[in-house]
Amino acid sequence: MTALVFLVLSLDTALLASAGVKFSFTAPNAKKIKVYGSFNGWSKGYVLVKAGSGIWEQSVELQRGRYEYKYLVDGKWQHDARLPTINDGLLGKNNVVIVR
């Protein structure tokens, strides 16, 4: 028997953005950071560039929609605890962004 689970995510529990989404992650000692997400099937990571003071950034053009994403920091998956999250179904968390 298969159980269906429905999740309702309200707009106040997601980061709202326009088409150009700036992904930013603070990791002063990191050597390499990529962002992966549902916006491309989790198959291609976008490399973040060190912007100073331990902050890494990358802008990605996205169509309207709701996306989950996570950072790969020196080979370890991490989410940004400062931003809205959702359970990823694998005992972890993903961040969420809604593009309007």
Protein backbone atom coordinates (compact mmCIF):
# COMPACT_ATOMS: atom_id res chain seq x y z
CA MET A 1 0.00 0.00 0.00
CA THR A 2 1.36 3.44 -0.95
CA ALA A 3 0.67 6.46 1.22
CA LEU A 4 0.41 9.89 -0.32
CA VAL A 5 1.81 12.81 1.63
CA PHE A 6 0.87 16.38 0.82
CA LEU A 7 2.92 19.29 2.09
CA VAL A 8 1.58 22.82 2.19
CA LEU A 9 4.24 25.50 2.20
CA SER A 10 2.93 28.97 2.92
CA LEU A 11 4.48 32.01 1.29
CA ASP A 12 5.72 33.26 4.64
CA THR A 13 7.99 30.22 5.04
CA ALA A 14 9.89 30.70 1.78
CA LEU A 15 12.34 33.23 0.46
CA LEU A 16 10.66 35.36 -2.23
CA ALA A 17 12.72 36.54 -5.19
CA SER A 18 12.48 37.90 -8.70
CA ALA A 19 13.83 36.04 -11.76
CA GLY A 20 17.48 36.77 -10.92
CA VAL A 21 18.17 34.88 -7.70
CA LYS A 22 21.39 35.67 -5.84
CA PHE A 23 22.50 32.61 -3.90
CA SER A 24 24.75 33.56 -1.01
CA PHE A 25 26.47 31.39 1.58
CA THR A 26 28.84 32.32 4.40
CA ALA A 27 31.76 29.93 4.84
CA PRO A 28 35.05 31.73 5.59
CA ASN A 29 37.22 28.60 5.40
CA ALA A 30 35.60 26.94 2.38
CA LYS A 31 37.61 26.16 -0.73
CA LYS A 32 34.74 25.42 -3.15
CA ILE A 33 30.96 25.92 -2.96
CA LYS A 34 28.28 24.98 -5.47
CA VAL A 35 24.50 25.39 -5.29
CA TYR A 36 22.27 22.59 -6.56
CA GLY A 37 18.50 22.59 -6.76
CA SER A 38 15.21 21.48 -8.17
CA PHE A 39 15.53 24.29 -10.74
CA ASN A 40 17.71 21.97 -12.84
CA GLY A 41 16.94 18.52 -11.47
CA TRP A 42 19.80 18.64 -8.95
CA SER A 43 22.12 17.65 -11.81
CA LYS A 44 24.31 20.70 -12.32
CA GLY A 45 25.89 22.77 -9.61
CA TYR A 46 26.48 26.47 -10.06
CA VAL A 47 29.87 27.52 -8.66
CA LEU A 48 29.73 30.31 -6.09
CA VAL A 49 32.44 32.97 -6.19
CA LYS A 50 34.13 34.32 -3.08
CA ALA A 51 32.89 37.88 -2.58
CA GLY A 52 34.93 38.74 0.51
CA SER A 53 34.57 38.33 4.28
CA GLY A 54 33.81 34.64 3.88
CA ILE A 55 30.74 35.25 1.71
CA TRP A 56 30.29 33.28 -1.50
CA GLU A 57 27.76 34.34 -4.18
CA GLN A 58 26.30 33.41 -7.54
CA SER A 59 23.29 34.79 -9.44
CA VAL A 60 21.09 32.37 -11.37
CA GLU A 61 18.25 33.32 -13.71
CA LEU A 62 15.17 31.25 -12.83
CA GLN A 63 11.67 31.04 -14.22
CA ARG A 64 8.69 31.65 -11.95
CA GLY A 65 8.11 28.83 -9.52
CA ARG A 66 9.01 27.25 -6.20
CA TYR A 67 12.43 25.67 -5.89
CA GLU A 68 14.36 23.73 -3.29
CA TYR A 69 18.12 24.03 -3.15
CA LYS A 70 21.18 23.12 -1.10
CA TYR A 71 24.87 23.97 -1.06
CA LEU A 72 27.76 21.57 -1.58
CA VAL A 73 30.56 23.02 0.56
CA ASP A 74 33.90 21.26 0.14
CA GLY A 75 32.08 18.00 -0.61
CA LYS A 76 29.51 18.23 2.24
CA TRP A 77 25.83 19.10 1.78
CA GLN A 78 24.66 22.11 3.78
CA HIS A 79 21.63 24.35 3.90
CA ASP A 80 21.56 27.97 5.04
CA ALA A 81 20.06 27.88 8.55
CA ARG A 82 19.23 31.61 8.33
CA LEU A 83 16.77 31.07 5.48
CA PRO A 84 13.51 29.11 5.18
CA THR A 85 13.88 25.32 5.00
CA ILE A 86 11.84 22.24 4.30
CA ASN A 87 12.56 18.59 5.10
CA ASP A 88 14.27 16.93 2.15
CA GLY A 89 12.82 13.46 2.79
CA LEU A 90 16.27 12.07 3.61
CA LEU A 91 16.59 13.30 7.22
CA GLY A 92 18.04 16.62 6.09
CA LYS A 93 16.79 20.03 5.03
CA ASN A 94 16.70 22.07 1.83
CA ASN A 95 16.27 25.80 1.49
CA VAL A 96 13.26 27.08 -0.44
CA VAL A 97 12.89 30.03 -2.81
CA ILE A 98 9.77 31.20 -4.64
CA VAL A 99 10.38 33.21 -7.81
CA ARG A 100 7.57 35.55 -8.79
